[in-house]
Amino acid sequence: MLAPTQTQTVFHHPQVLTRSWQQQQQQQQVKVNVDIQWVPGHMDVPGNEAADKAAKEAAIITDDPPRSVSLAPALSCVNRLIQDLPTEHPRTALVYKKINQAKDQAELKSRKDAVFLAQICSGHCLSFKAYQHLVNAAVDPTCPRCGEGPRTLEHWFLECAGTESTRQDIFGDANPSLEVLTDEPRKAVLYGGTQRPPPQKLDSTLSP
């Protein structure tokens, strides 16, 4: 599972949204379809920061000859010495309450699925009209399935009457908790797959 950190709420920042809009305007002149999508980053992830620091220190060592190391001992050392900080965001903390790395590895068959599930869990997913609205103000954030309220992660997974039967079929419960998203990653990806939007062409009526 690729879990977001506190710094990975980039599209909530007005300057980033404006820059994104400006880039989209430039792309309007190119005859291609472009999707803008949040992906998990690495900034302020403790293990990644430690690895970056160690790599820079190792790059200036010239006295000792290079020594090979296998992946398994390296991972064991990282897991023993590096601990992620507790998640402060209430929704994110609930979503990742029951995360299980072993289950993730067994049930998520590709990085594409892992990234897609991370996008869902973060709320930064193109399946959510409310997220699309953050990137493009011309997009109506209202849920297209039920027409009731903005289509956020909470609405999509907990409230939408239009997807209630699908939740019942996949999870055996029409009203599951958000923590199910990481407790049952295979089912979460399956459910998310039923809601994946088709590729969209950028709207020329974008506004910052």
C-alpha atoms as a PDB file:
ATOM      1  CA  MET A   1       0.000   0.000   0.000  1.00  0.00           C
ATOM      2  CA  LEU A   2       1.226   3.476  -0.860  1.00  0.00           C
ATOM      3  CA  ALA A   3       0.090   5.589   2.061  1.00  0.00           C
ATOM      4  CA  PRO A   4      -0.026   9.400   1.716  1.00  0.00           C
ATOM      5  CA  THR A   5       1.642  11.677   4.237  1.00  0.00           C
ATOM      6  CA  GLN A   6       0.543  15.061   5.543  1.00  0.00           C
ATOM      7  CA  THR A   7       2.435  16.854   2.751  1.00  0.00           C
ATOM      8  CA  GLN A   8       0.579  15.073  -0.040  1.00  0.00           C
ATOM      9  CA  THR A   9      -2.446  17.372  -0.271  1.00  0.00           C
ATOM     10  CA  VAL A  10      -0.908  19.374  -3.109  1.00  0.00           C
ATOM     11  CA  PHE A  11      -4.078  20.204  -5.044  1.00  0.00           C
ATOM     12  CA  HIS A  12      -5.568  22.007  -2.066  1.00  0.00           C
ATOM     13  CA  HIS A  13      -2.908  24.725  -2.417  1.00  0.00           C
ATOM     14  CA  PRO A  14      -4.147  27.730  -4.455  1.00  0.00           C
ATOM     15  CA  GLN A  15      -0.749  28.427  -6.063  1.00  0.00           C
ATOM     16  CA  VAL A  16      -0.432  24.835  -7.247  1.00  0.00           C
ATOM     17  CA  LEU A  17      -3.990  24.897  -8.590  1.00  0.00           C
ATOM     18  CA  THR A  18      -3.260  28.104 -10.491  1.00  0.00           C
ATOM     19  CA  ARG A  19      -0.045  26.689 -11.930  1.00  0.00           C
ATOM     20  CA  SER A  20      -1.904  23.526 -12.905  1.00  0.00           C
ATOM     21  CA  TRP A  21      -4.530  25.608 -14.701  1.00  0.00           C
ATOM     22  CA  GLN A  22      -1.836  27.594 -16.540  1.00  0.00           C
ATOM     23  CA  GLN A  23      -0.193  24.374 -17.703  1.00  0.00           C
ATOM     24  CA  GLN A  24      -3.542  23.060 -18.889  1.00  0.00           C
ATOM     25  CA  GLN A  25      -4.081  26.235 -20.896  1.00  0.00           C
ATOM     26  CA  GLN A  26      -0.765  25.650 -22.678  1.00  0.00           C
ATOM     27  CA  GLN A  27      -1.709  22.051 -23.339  1.00  0.00           C
ATOM     28  CA  GLN A  28      -4.948  23.145 -25.029  1.00  0.00           C
ATOM     29  CA  GLN A  29      -2.828  24.048 -28.062  1.00  0.00           C
ATOM     30  CA  VAL A  30      -1.501  20.492 -28.367  1.00  0.00           C
ATOM     31  CA  LYS A  31      -3.732  17.878 -29.999  1.00  0.00           C
ATOM     32  CA  VAL A  32      -3.546  15.340 -27.193  1.00  0.00           C
ATOM     33  CA  ASN A  33      -5.741  14.340 -24.256  1.00  0.00           C
ATOM     34  CA  VAL A  34      -4.199  15.097 -20.861  1.00  0.00           C
ATOM     35  CA  ASP A  35      -5.362  13.853 -17.457  1.00  0.00           C
ATOM     36  CA  ILE A  36      -4.028  15.491 -14.278  1.00  0.00           C
ATOM     37  CA  GLN A  37      -3.943  13.006 -11.432  1.00  0.00           C
ATOM     38  CA  TRP A  38      -2.451  12.988  -7.942  1.00  0.00           C
ATOM     39  CA  VAL A  39       0.114  10.218  -7.412  1.00  0.00           C
ATOM     40  CA  PRO A  40       1.805   9.183  -4.147  1.00  0.00           C
ATOM     41  CA  GLY A  41       4.915  11.230  -3.467  1.00  0.00           C
ATOM     42  CA  HIS A  42       7.937  10.658  -1.220  1.00  0.00           C
ATOM     43  CA  MET A  43       8.576  14.048   0.401  1.00  0.00           C
ATOM     44  CA  ASP A  44       8.779  13.860   4.205  1.00  0.00           C
ATOM     45  CA  VAL A  45       8.385  10.065   4.194  1.00  0.00           C
ATOM     46  CA  PRO A  46      10.869   9.095   6.956  1.00  0.00           C
ATOM     47  CA  GLY A  47      12.303   6.027   5.219  1.00  0.00           C
ATOM     48  CA  ASN A  48      12.738   7.825   1.920  1.00  0.00           C
ATOM     49  CA  GLU A  49      14.398  10.821   3.549  1.00  0.00           C
ATOM     50  CA  ALA A  50      16.802   8.503   5.400  1.00  0.00           C
ATOM     51  CA  ALA A  51      17.622   6.630   2.188  1.00  0.00           C
ATOM     52  CA  ASP A  52      18.309   9.904   0.371  1.00  0.00           C
ATOM     53  CA  LYS A  53      20.606  11.080   3.173  1.00  0.00           C
ATOM     54  CA  ALA A  54      22.468   7.754   3.258  1.00  0.00           C
ATOM     55  CA  ALA A  55      22.905   7.759  -0.524  1.00  0.00           C
ATOM     56  CA  LYS A  56      24.405  11.259  -0.475  1.00  0.00           C
ATOM     57  CA  GLU A  57      26.788  10.288   2.328  1.00  0.00           C
ATOM     58  CA  ALA A  58      27.814   7.093   0.524  1.00  0.00           C
ATOM     59  CA  ALA A  59      28.512   9.011  -2.676  1.00  0.00           C
ATOM     60  CA  ILE A  60      31.395  10.892  -1.064  1.00  0.00           C
ATOM     61  CA  ILE A  61      33.032   7.802   0.510  1.00  0.00           C
ATOM     62  CA  THR A  62      36.165   6.905  -1.432  1.00  0.00           C
ATOM     63  CA  ASP A  63      38.226   4.975   1.154  1.00  0.00           C
ATOM     64  CA  ASP A  64      36.234   1.735   1.308  1.00  0.00           C
ATOM     65  CA  PRO A  65      35.644  -0.519  -1.717  1.00  0.00           C
ATOM     66  CA  PRO A  66      31.987  -1.037  -2.749  1.00  0.00           C
ATOM     67  CA  ARG A  67      30.159  -3.831  -0.926  1.00  0.00           C
ATOM     68  CA  SER A  68      27.119  -5.627  -2.261  1.00  0.00           C
ATOM     69  CA  VAL A  69      24.053  -6.190  -0.105  1.00  0.00           C
ATOM     70  CA  SER A  70      20.941  -8.245  -0.791  1.00  0.00           C
ATOM     71  CA  LEU A  71      17.487  -6.716  -0.684  1.00  0.00           C
ATOM     72  CA  ALA A  72      16.056  -8.757   2.200  1.00  0.00           C
ATOM     73  CA  PRO A  73      18.634  -7.654   4.851  1.00  0.00           C
ATOM     74  CA  ALA A  74      18.391  -4.067   3.614  1.00  0.00           C
ATOM     75  CA  LEU A  75      14.600  -4.066   3.999  1.00  0.00           C
ATOM     76  CA  SER A  76      14.882  -5.651   7.427  1.00  0.00           C
ATOM     77  CA  CYS A  77      17.269  -2.919   8.540  1.00  0.00           C
ATOM     78  CA  VAL A  78      15.002  -0.162   7.185  1.00  0.00           C
ATOM     79  CA  ASN A  79      11.905  -1.610   8.856  1.00  0.00           C
ATOM     80  CA  ARG A  80      13.749  -1.904  12.164  1.00  0.00           C
ATOM     81  CA  LEU A  81      15.282   1.561  12.189  1.00  0.00           C
ATOM     82  CA  ILE A  82      12.717   3.719  10.359  1.00  0.00           C
ATOM     83  CA  GLN A  83       9.223   4.360  11.688  1.00  0.00           C
ATOM     84  CA  ASP A  84       6.592   6.498   9.979  1.00  0.00           C
ATOM     85  CA  LEU A  85       5.106   9.317  12.013  1.00  0.00           C
ATOM     86  CA  PRO A  86       1.478   8.939  13.182  1.00  0.00           C
ATOM     87  CA  THR A  87      -1.070  10.265  10.711  1.00  0.00           C
ATOM     88  CA  GLU A  88      -2.702  13.454  11.949  1.00  0.00           C
ATOM     89  CA  HIS A  89      -5.540  13.787   9.432  1.00  0.00           C
ATOM     90  CA  PRO A  90      -8.637  12.109  11.009  1.00  0.00           C
ATOM     91  CA  ARG A  91     -10.005  10.617   7.773  1.00  0.00           C
ATOM     92  CA  THR A  92      -6.620   9.338   6.639  1.00  0.00           C
ATOM     93  CA  ALA A  93      -5.972   7.843  10.079  1.00  0.00           C
ATOM     94  CA  LEU A  94      -9.269   5.954   9.873  1.00  0.00           C
ATOM     95  CA  VAL A  95      -8.660   4.759   6.330  1.00  0.00           C
ATOM     96  CA  TYR A  96      -5.244   3.313   7.252  1.00  0.00           C
ATOM     97  CA  LYS A  97      -6.277   2.008  10.677  1.00  0.00           C
ATOM     98  CA  LYS A  98      -6.194  -1.631   9.570  1.00  0.00           C
ATOM     99  CA  ILE A  99      -3.492  -1.504   6.912  1.00  0.00           C
ATOM    100  CA  ASN A 100      -1.667  -4.816   6.550  1.00  0.00           C
ATOM    101  CA  GLN A 101       1.446  -4.900   4.375  1.00  0.00           C
ATOM    102  CA  ALA A 102       1.386  -8.693   4.009  1.00  0.00           C
ATOM    103  CA  LYS A 103      -2.229  -8.614   2.829  1.00  0.00           C
ATOM    104  CA  ASP A 104      -1.407  -5.793   0.411  1.00  0.00           C
ATOM    105  CA  GLN A 105       1.389  -7.789  -1.181  1.00  0.00           C
ATOM    106  CA  ALA A 106      -0.850 -10.841  -1.487  1.00  0.00           C
ATOM    107  CA  GLU A 107      -3.932  -9.069  -2.840  1.00  0.00           C
ATOM    108  CA  LEU A 108      -2.625  -6.128  -4.885  1.00  0.00           C
ATOM    109  CA  LYS A 109      -1.240  -7.699  -8.033  1.00  0.00           C
ATOM    110  CA  SER A 110       0.299  -4.621  -9.661  1.00  0.00           C
ATOM    111  CA  ARG A 111       1.698  -1.190  -8.873  1.00  0.00           C
ATOM    112  CA  LYS A 112      -1.143   0.251 -10.953  1.00  0.00           C
ATOM    113  CA  ASP A 113      -3.656  -1.202  -8.486  1.00  0.00           C
ATOM    114  CA  ALA A 114      -1.585  -0.006  -5.509  1.00  0.00           C
ATOM    115  CA  VAL A 115      -1.424   3.547  -6.882  1.00  0.00           C
ATOM    116  CA  PHE A 116      -5.138   3.522  -7.730  1.00  0.00           C
ATOM    117  CA  LEU A 117      -6.037   2.407  -4.208  1.00  0.00           C
ATOM    118  CA  ALA A 118      -3.736   5.054  -2.705  1.00  0.00           C
ATOM    119  CA  GLN A 119      -5.484   7.693  -4.803  1.00  0.00           C
ATOM    120  CA  ILE A 120      -8.867   6.480  -3.559  1.00  0.00           C
ATOM    121  CA  CYS A 121      -7.740   6.427   0.073  1.00  0.00           C
ATOM    122  CA  SER A 122      -6.343   9.958  -0.194  1.00  0.00           C
ATOM    123  CA  GLY A 123      -9.475  11.357  -1.805  1.00  0.00           C
ATOM    124  CA  HIS A 124      -7.338  12.593  -4.733  1.00  0.00           C
ATOM    125  CA  CYS A 125      -8.873  10.352  -7.380  1.00  0.00           C
ATOM    126  CA  LEU A 126     -10.456  11.122 -10.744  1.00  0.00           C
ATOM    127  CA  SER A 127     -13.389   8.914  -9.725  1.00  0.00           C
ATOM    128  CA  PHE A 128     -14.432  11.737  -7.405  1.00  0.00           C
ATOM    129  CA  LYS A 129     -16.130  14.720  -9.038  1.00  0.00           C
ATOM    130  CA  ALA A 130     -15.239  16.827  -6.000  1.00  0.00           C
ATOM    131  CA  TYR A 131     -11.532  16.186  -6.713  1.00  0.00           C
ATOM    132  CA  GLN A 132     -11.980  16.983 -10.407  1.00  0.00           C
ATOM    133  CA  HIS A 133     -13.614  20.251  -9.325  1.00  0.00           C
ATOM    134  CA  LEU A 134     -10.465  21.189  -7.366  1.00  0.00           C
ATOM    135  CA  VAL A 135      -8.417  20.839 -10.540  1.00  0.00           C
ATOM    136  CA  ASN A 136     -10.984  22.323 -12.893  1.00  0.00           C
ATOM    137  CA  ALA A 137     -13.599  24.688 -11.458  1.00  0.00           C
ATOM    138  CA  ALA A 138     -15.805  24.101 -14.515  1.00  0.00           C
ATOM    139  CA  VAL A 139     -16.487  20.517 -13.407  1.00  0.00           C
ATOM    140  CA  ASP A 140     -19.663  20.057 -11.399  1.00  0.00           C
ATOM    141  CA  PRO A 141     -18.691  18.288  -8.115  1.00  0.00           C
ATOM    142  CA  THR A 142     -22.180  16.803  -7.674  1.00  0.00           C
ATOM    143  CA  CYS A 143     -22.329  13.010  -7.617  1.00  0.00           C
ATOM    144  CA  PRO A 144     -23.551  11.786 -11.047  1.00  0.00           C
ATOM    145  CA  ARG A 145     -24.925   8.543  -9.557  1.00  0.00           C
ATOM    146  CA  CYS A 146     -27.400   9.971  -7.058  1.00  0.00           C
ATOM    147  CA  GLY A 147     -27.316  13.742  -7.600  1.00  0.00           C
ATOM    148  CA  GLU A 148     -27.055  14.300  -3.862  1.00  0.00           C
ATOM    149  CA  GLY A 149     -24.070  16.320  -2.648  1.00  0.00           C
ATOM    150  CA  PRO A 150     -20.468  16.505  -3.869  1.00  0.00           C
ATOM    151  CA  ARG A 151     -18.860  13.220  -4.824  1.00  0.00           C
ATOM    152  CA  THR A 152     -16.080  12.971  -2.249  1.00  0.00           C
ATOM    153  CA  LEU A 153     -14.457   9.830  -0.887  1.00  0.00           C
ATOM    154  CA  GLU A 154     -16.907   9.795   2.029  1.00  0.00           C
ATOM    155  CA  HIS A 155     -19.936  10.249  -0.212  1.00  0.00           C
ATOM    156  CA  TRP A 156     -18.758   7.647  -2.736  1.00  0.00           C
ATOM    157  CA  PHE A 157     -18.025   4.965  -0.144  1.00  0.00           C
ATOM    158  CA  LEU A 158     -20.467   5.711   2.651  1.00  0.00           C
ATOM    159  CA  GLU A 159     -23.437   7.724   1.445  1.00  0.00           C
ATOM    160  CA  CYS A 160     -24.186   7.341  -2.277  1.00  0.00           C
ATOM    161  CA  ALA A 161     -27.469   5.557  -2.902  1.00  0.00           C
ATOM    162  CA  GLY A 162     -26.400   4.946  -6.488  1.00  0.00           C
ATOM    163  CA  THR A 163     -23.557   2.628  -5.432  1.00  0.00           C
ATOM    164  CA  GLU A 164     -25.237   1.073  -2.401  1.00  0.00           C
ATOM    165  CA  SER A 165     -26.032  -2.223  -4.122  1.00  0.00           C
ATOM    166  CA  THR A 166     -22.449  -2.496  -5.416  1.00  0.00           C
ATOM    167  CA  ARG A 167     -21.072  -2.033  -1.894  1.00  0.00           C
ATOM    168  CA  GLN A 168     -23.450  -4.712  -0.657  1.00  0.00           C
ATOM    169  CA  ASP A 169     -22.371  -7.141  -3.389  1.00  0.00           C
ATOM    170  CA  ILE A 170     -18.631  -6.627  -2.932  1.00  0.00           C
ATOM    171  CA  PHE A 171     -18.267  -6.031   0.817  1.00  0.00           C
ATOM    172  CA  GLY A 172     -21.380  -7.774   2.086  1.00  0.00           C
ATOM    173  CA  ASP A 173     -22.370  -4.492   3.708  1.00  0.00           C
ATOM    174  CA  ALA A 174     -24.042  -1.465   2.141  1.00  0.00           C
ATOM    175  CA  ASN A 175     -22.557   0.788   4.839  1.00  0.00           C
ATOM    176  CA  PRO A 176     -18.938  -0.285   5.447  1.00  0.00           C
ATOM    177  CA  SER A 177     -16.406   1.803   7.363  1.00  0.00           C
ATOM    178  CA  LEU A 178     -13.622   3.668   5.556  1.00  0.00           C
ATOM    179  CA  GLU A 179     -11.057   1.388   7.218  1.00  0.00           C
ATOM    180  CA  VAL A 180     -12.336  -1.432   4.986  1.00  0.00           C
ATOM    181  CA  LEU A 181     -10.482   0.223   2.099  1.00  0.00           C
ATOM    182  CA  THR A 182      -7.149  -0.961   3.520  1.00  0.00           C
ATOM    183  CA  ASP A 183      -8.462  -3.957   5.454  1.00  0.00           C
ATOM    184  CA  GLU A 184      -9.816  -5.467   2.221  1.00  0.00           C
ATOM    185  CA  PRO A 185      -7.544  -4.047  -0.518  1.00  0.00           C
ATOM    186  CA  ARG A 186      -8.574  -6.500  -3.252  1.00  0.00           C
ATOM    187  CA  LYS A 187     -12.267  -5.730  -2.731  1.00  0.00           C
ATOM    188  CA  ALA A 188     -11.523  -2.002  -2.526  1.00  0.00           C
ATOM    189  CA  VAL A 189      -9.772  -2.055  -5.914  1.00  0.00           C
ATOM    190  CA  LEU A 190     -12.620  -4.141  -7.346  1.00  0.00           C
ATOM    191  CA  TYR A 191     -15.177  -1.637  -6.055  1.00  0.00           C
ATOM    192  CA  GLY A 192     -13.092   1.289  -7.278  1.00  0.00           C
ATOM    193  CA  GLY A 193     -12.811  -0.329 -10.692  1.00  0.00           C
ATOM    194  CA  THR A 194     -16.564  -0.235 -11.104  1.00  0.00           C
ATOM    195  CA  GLN A 195     -16.397   3.536 -10.646  1.00  0.00           C
ATOM    196  CA  ARG A 196     -13.350   4.376 -12.766  1.00  0.00           C
ATOM    197  CA  PRO A 197     -14.110   7.230 -15.164  1.00  0.00           C
ATOM    198  CA  PRO A 198     -13.103   7.052 -18.838  1.00  0.00           C
ATOM    199  CA  PRO A 199     -10.189   9.272 -20.004  1.00  0.00           C
ATOM    200  CA  GLN A 200     -11.396  12.860 -20.258  1.00  0.00           C
ATOM    201  CA  LYS A 201     -10.460  15.622 -22.646  1.00  0.00           C
ATOM    202  CA  LEU A 202      -9.525  18.869 -20.951  1.00  0.00           C
ATOM    203  CA  ASP A 203     -12.228  21.518 -21.028  1.00  0.00           C
ATOM    204  CA  SER A 204     -11.317  24.783 -22.754  1.00  0.00           C
ATOM    205  CA  THR A 205     -13.433  26.698 -20.204  1.00  0.00           C
ATOM    206  CA  LEU A 206     -10.988  26.137 -17.349  1.00  0.00           C
ATOM    207  CA  SER A 207     -10.631  28.953 -14.846  1.00  0.00           C
ATOM    208  CA  PRO A 208      -8.006  29.407 -12.086  1.00  0.00           C
END
